[in-house]
C-alpha atoms as a PDB file:
ATOM      1  CA  MET A   1      18.965  -8.845 -46.927  1.00  0.00           C
ATOM      2  CA  VAL A   2      20.559 -10.657 -43.973  1.00  0.00           C
ATOM      3  CA  THR A   3      19.084 -10.089 -40.539  1.00  0.00           C
ATOM      4  CA  ILE A   4      21.505 -10.367 -37.655  1.00  0.00           C
ATOM      5  CA  ARG A   5      19.924 -11.544 -34.443  1.00  0.00           C
ATOM      6  CA  GLU A   6      21.534 -11.008 -31.091  1.00  0.00           C
ATOM      7  CA  LYS A   7      22.183 -14.104 -29.032  1.00  0.00           C
ATOM      8  CA  THR A   8      19.521 -14.503 -26.386  1.00  0.00           C
ATOM      9  CA  THR A   9      21.742 -16.379 -23.943  1.00  0.00           C
ATOM     10  CA  ILE A  10      25.378 -15.593 -23.335  1.00  0.00           C
ATOM     11  CA  THR A  11      28.030 -16.636 -20.872  1.00  0.00           C
ATOM     12  CA  MET A  12      29.147 -13.633 -18.868  1.00  0.00           C
ATOM     13  CA  ARG A  13      32.786 -13.752 -17.860  1.00  0.00           C
ATOM     14  CA  MET A  14      34.608 -11.623 -15.313  1.00  0.00           C
ATOM     15  CA  SER A  15      37.760 -11.951 -13.289  1.00  0.00           C
ATOM     16  CA  ALA A  16      38.977 -10.323 -10.122  1.00  0.00           C
ATOM     17  CA  LYS A  17      42.234  -9.703  -8.360  1.00  0.00           C
ATOM     18  CA  SER A  18      41.968  -9.593  -4.588  1.00  0.00           C
ATOM     19  CA  GLU A  19      44.268  -6.755  -3.571  1.00  0.00           C
ATOM     20  CA  SER A  20      43.435  -7.010   0.136  1.00  0.00           C
ATOM     21  CA  HIS A  21      40.876  -8.496   2.511  1.00  0.00           C
ATOM     22  CA  SER A  22      38.420  -5.766   1.427  1.00  0.00           C
ATOM     23  CA  LYS A  23      39.456  -4.668  -2.063  1.00  0.00           C
ATOM     24  CA  SER A  24      38.761  -6.513  -5.316  1.00  0.00           C
ATOM     25  CA  VAL A  25      39.614  -5.196  -8.765  1.00  0.00           C
ATOM     26  CA  ILE A  26      37.076  -6.590 -11.218  1.00  0.00           C
ATOM     27  CA  ASN A  27      37.712  -6.978 -14.954  1.00  0.00           C
ATOM     28  CA  ALA A  28      34.795  -7.302 -17.368  1.00  0.00           C
ATOM     29  CA  ARG A  29      35.204  -6.868 -21.126  1.00  0.00           C
ATOM     30  CA  ASP A  30      37.800  -4.069 -21.351  1.00  0.00           C
ATOM     31  CA  VAL A  31      36.548  -2.282 -18.233  1.00  0.00           C
ATOM     32  CA  GLN A  32      37.954  -2.374 -14.726  1.00  0.00           C
ATOM     33  CA  SER A  33      36.057  -1.590 -11.519  1.00  0.00           C
ATOM     34  CA  THR A  34      37.010  -1.594  -7.857  1.00  0.00           C
ATOM     35  CA  ILE A  35      34.883  -2.980  -5.070  1.00  0.00           C
ATOM     36  CA  ASP A  36      36.097  -1.998  -1.613  1.00  0.00           C
ATOM     37  CA  GLU A  37      34.956  -1.344   1.925  1.00  0.00           C
ATOM     38  CA  PRO A  38      34.972   2.083   3.544  1.00  0.00           C
ATOM     39  CA  ALA A  39      37.921   2.979   5.773  1.00  0.00           C
ATOM     40  CA  GLU A  40      35.835   2.546   8.947  1.00  0.00           C
ATOM     41  CA  ARG A  41      35.391  -1.130   8.014  1.00  0.00           C
ATOM     42  CA  GLY A  42      39.064  -1.711   7.261  1.00  0.00           C
ATOM     43  CA  GLY A  43      38.975  -0.886   3.558  1.00  0.00           C
ATOM     44  CA  THR A  44      40.700   1.756   1.472  1.00  0.00           C
ATOM     45  CA  ASN A  45      37.427   3.372   0.304  1.00  0.00           C
ATOM     46  CA  GLU A  46      38.481   3.135  -3.355  1.00  0.00           C
ATOM     47  CA  GLY A  47      35.153   1.795  -4.602  1.00  0.00           C
ATOM     48  CA  LEU A  48      31.613   0.926  -3.686  1.00  0.00           C
ATOM     49  CA  SER A  49      31.140  -1.883  -1.183  1.00  0.00           C
ATOM     50  CA  PRO A  50      29.691  -5.165  -2.497  1.00  0.00           C
ATOM     51  CA  THR A  51      26.229  -4.294  -1.175  1.00  0.00           C
ATOM     52  CA  GLU A  52      26.429  -0.739  -2.559  1.00  0.00           C
ATOM     53  CA  THR A  53      27.452  -2.268  -5.885  1.00  0.00           C
ATOM     54  CA  LEU A  54      24.267  -4.361  -5.903  1.00  0.00           C
ATOM     55  CA  MET A  55      22.094  -1.297  -5.259  1.00  0.00           C
ATOM     56  CA  ALA A  56      24.054   0.718  -7.852  1.00  0.00           C
ATOM     57  CA  SER A  57      23.327  -2.094 -10.323  1.00  0.00           C
ATOM     58  CA  LEU A  58      19.607  -1.634  -9.691  1.00  0.00           C
ATOM     59  CA  ILE A  59      19.929   2.088 -10.430  1.00  0.00           C
ATOM     60  CA  GLY A  60      21.918   1.421 -13.609  1.00  0.00           C
ATOM     61  CA  CYS A  61      19.517  -1.265 -14.796  1.00  0.00           C
ATOM     62  CA  THR A  62      16.529   1.023 -14.148  1.00  0.00           C
ATOM     63  CA  ASN A  63      18.175   3.685 -16.314  1.00  0.00           C
ATOM     64  CA  VAL A  64      19.156   1.387 -19.186  1.00  0.00           C
ATOM     65  CA  ILE A  65      15.998  -0.721 -19.411  1.00  0.00           C
ATOM     66  CA  SER A  66      13.457   2.091 -18.979  1.00  0.00           C
ATOM     67  CA  THR A  67      15.281   4.164 -21.612  1.00  0.00           C
ATOM     68  CA  LYS A  68      15.321   1.185 -24.023  1.00  0.00           C
ATOM     69  CA  ILE A  69      11.599   0.652 -23.486  1.00  0.00           C
ATOM     70  CA  ALA A  70      10.774   4.318 -24.119  1.00  0.00           C
ATOM     71  CA  HIS A  71      12.969   4.359 -27.239  1.00  0.00           C
ATOM     72  CA  LYS A  72      11.208   1.270 -28.578  1.00  0.00           C
ATOM     73  CA  MET A  73       7.870   2.991 -27.923  1.00  0.00           C
ATOM     74  CA  GLY A  74       9.060   6.103 -29.773  1.00  0.00           C
ATOM     75  CA  VAL A  75       8.721   8.529 -26.868  1.00  0.00           C
ATOM     76  CA  ALA A  76      11.237  11.120 -25.696  1.00  0.00           C
ATOM     77  CA  PHE A  77      12.625   9.968 -22.353  1.00  0.00           C
ATOM     78  CA  GLN A  78      15.512  11.235 -20.254  1.00  0.00           C
ATOM     79  CA  LEU A  79      16.124  10.049 -16.709  1.00  0.00           C
ATOM     80  CA  GLU A  80      17.462  13.066 -14.861  1.00  0.00           C
ATOM     81  CA  ASP A  81      17.992  11.691 -11.374  1.00  0.00           C
ATOM     82  CA  ILE A  82      17.523   8.434  -9.497  1.00  0.00           C
ATOM     83  CA  LYS A  83      17.801   8.336  -5.727  1.00  0.00           C
ATOM     84  CA  LEU A  84      17.779   5.042  -3.844  1.00  0.00           C
ATOM     85  CA  SER A  85      16.982   4.300  -0.232  1.00  0.00           C
ATOM     86  CA  ALA A  86      17.182   0.734   1.058  1.00  0.00           C
ATOM     87  CA  LYS A  87      16.637  -0.919   4.427  1.00  0.00           C
ATOM     88  CA  PHE A  88      19.658  -3.200   4.874  1.00  0.00           C
ATOM     89  CA  ASN A  89      19.735  -5.867   7.585  1.00  0.00           C
ATOM     90  CA  ARG A  90      23.464  -6.158   8.319  1.00  0.00           C
ATOM     91  CA  LEU A  91      23.286  -9.134  10.705  1.00  0.00           C
ATOM     92  CA  GLY A  92      24.582 -11.407   7.947  1.00  0.00           C
ATOM     93  CA  VAL A  93      27.560  -9.297   6.856  1.00  0.00           C
ATOM     94  CA  THR A  94      28.562  -8.814  10.492  1.00  0.00           C
ATOM     95  CA  LEU A  95      28.461 -12.636  10.897  1.00  0.00           C
ATOM     96  CA  GLN A  96      25.905 -12.437  13.709  1.00  0.00           C
ATOM     97  CA  GLU A  97      23.245 -14.589  12.040  1.00  0.00           C
ATOM     98  CA  GLU A  98      22.079 -15.754   8.651  1.00  0.00           C
ATOM     99  CA  VAL A  99      19.689 -13.348   6.935  1.00  0.00           C
ATOM    100  CA  ASP A 100      17.424 -14.712   4.193  1.00  0.00           C
ATOM    101  CA  ARG A 101      16.563 -11.282   2.814  1.00  0.00           C
ATOM    102  CA  PRO A 102      19.179  -8.614   3.617  1.00  0.00           C
ATOM    103  CA  PHE A 103      17.240  -5.903   1.749  1.00  0.00           C
ATOM    104  CA  ASP A 104      13.551  -5.591   2.614  1.00  0.00           C
ATOM    105  CA  ASP A 105      12.345  -2.238   1.364  1.00  0.00           C
ATOM    106  CA  ILE A 106      13.995  -0.451  -1.526  1.00  0.00           C
ATOM    107  CA  VAL A 107      12.676   2.892  -2.720  1.00  0.00           C
ATOM    108  CA  LEU A 108      13.675   4.510  -6.000  1.00  0.00           C
ATOM    109  CA  ASP A 109      12.786   8.173  -6.537  1.00  0.00           C
ATOM    110  CA  ILE A 110      13.000   8.664 -10.291  1.00  0.00           C
ATOM    111  CA  ASP A 111      12.965  12.073 -11.970  1.00  0.00           C
ATOM    112  CA  VAL A 112      12.319  11.929 -15.705  1.00  0.00           C
ATOM    113  CA  LYS A 113      11.717  14.296 -18.595  1.00  0.00           C
ATOM    114  CA  THR A 114       9.416  12.708 -21.152  1.00  0.00           C
ATOM    115  CA  ASP A 115       6.668  13.412 -23.644  1.00  0.00           C
ATOM    116  CA  ALA A 116       5.071  10.055 -22.808  1.00  0.00           C
ATOM    117  CA  SER A 117       1.350  10.107 -22.091  1.00  0.00           C
ATOM    118  CA  PRO A 118       0.253   8.789 -18.677  1.00  0.00           C
ATOM    119  CA  GLU A 119      -0.670   5.506 -20.375  1.00  0.00           C
ATOM    120  CA  GLN A 120       2.718   5.256 -22.089  1.00  0.00           C
ATOM    121  CA  LEU A 121       4.531   6.036 -18.830  1.00  0.00           C
ATOM    122  CA  GLN A 122       2.531   3.301 -17.108  1.00  0.00           C
ATOM    123  CA  GLN A 123       3.579   0.876 -19.860  1.00  0.00           C
ATOM    124  CA  ILE A 124       7.239   1.858 -19.334  1.00  0.00           C
ATOM    125  CA  LYS A 125       6.867   1.149 -15.594  1.00  0.00           C
ATOM    126  CA  THR A 126       5.144  -2.190 -16.235  1.00  0.00           C
ATOM    127  CA  ASP A 127       7.749  -3.275 -18.774  1.00  0.00           C
ATOM    128  CA  LEU A 128      10.605  -2.155 -16.514  1.00  0.00           C
ATOM    129  CA  ALA A 129       9.396  -4.615 -13.856  1.00  0.00           C
ATOM    130  CA  LYS A 130       9.287  -7.338 -16.526  1.00  0.00           C
ATOM    131  CA  PHE A 131      12.668  -6.739 -18.125  1.00  0.00           C
ATOM    132  CA  CYS A 132      15.169  -5.341 -15.574  1.00  0.00           C
ATOM    133  CA  PRO A 133      17.175  -8.440 -14.548  1.00  0.00           C
ATOM    134  CA  ILE A 134      18.551  -6.840 -11.380  1.00  0.00           C
ATOM    135  CA  ALA A 135      15.071  -5.885 -10.121  1.00  0.00           C
ATOM    136  CA  LYS A 136      13.778  -9.368 -10.998  1.00  0.00           C
ATOM    137  CA  VAL A 137      16.523 -11.016  -8.906  1.00  0.00           C
ATOM    138  CA  ILE A 138      15.898  -8.680  -5.963  1.00  0.00           C
ATOM    139  CA  ARG A 139      12.122  -9.077  -6.112  1.00  0.00           C
ATOM    140  CA  GLY A 140      12.581 -12.834  -6.543  1.00  0.00           C
ATOM    141  CA  ASN A 141      14.232 -12.834  -3.129  1.00  0.00           C
ATOM    142  CA  GLY A 142      11.064 -11.273  -1.705  1.00  0.00           C
ATOM    143  CA  ALA A 143      12.223  -7.674  -1.360  1.00  0.00           C
ATOM    144  CA  ALA A 144       9.848  -4.852  -2.224  1.00  0.00           C
ATOM    145  CA  ILE A 145      10.984  -2.221  -4.719  1.00  0.00           C
ATOM    146  CA  THR A 146       8.872   0.929  -4.722  1.00  0.00           C
ATOM    147  CA  GLU A 147       9.339   3.312  -7.640  1.00  0.00           C
ATOM    148  CA  ASN A 148       8.218   6.899  -7.178  1.00  0.00           C
ATOM    149  CA  TRP A 149       8.176   8.526 -10.623  1.00  0.00           C
ATOM    150  CA  ASN A 150       8.280  12.309 -10.943  1.00  0.00           C
ATOM    151  CA  VAL A 151       7.795  13.776 -14.434  1.00  0.00           C
ATOM    152  CA  LEU A 152       9.752  17.031 -14.678  1.00  0.00           C
ATOM    153  CA  PRO A 153       8.712  19.881 -16.965  1.00  0.00           C
ATOM    154  CA  GLY A 154      10.291  19.480 -20.365  1.00  0.00           C
END
């Protein structure tokens, strides 16, 4: 029997077409995404802003990695809702002054349906902090990410 192992390091490739001063159309794999500014900042509001895209990536990574962890543990796990609130220091993006840490406090309110025991849920939370690359990058910059988990009735 041949075991196929996934590569542990890959080169991620993307490309973008700048359609205006605010709008970029990003191509990754066979998927296209638009990053844009809202109309009040001179954009066409056809996509999330770059900073919203970063926070959306944290939400997506939280979903994917926590679900993978629960699956590996053999517990039923369904994220129902994730809400994010983040304090964003905009001095840098408004070109007023350099900001070392644009996001200081990020709060995720996570609603989940699961049959995980309290100990298993704690392990999922611990492993999520270890394995979510987006959270690791954000925390590595010194920002705090608070996760408020709410287990919903099944």
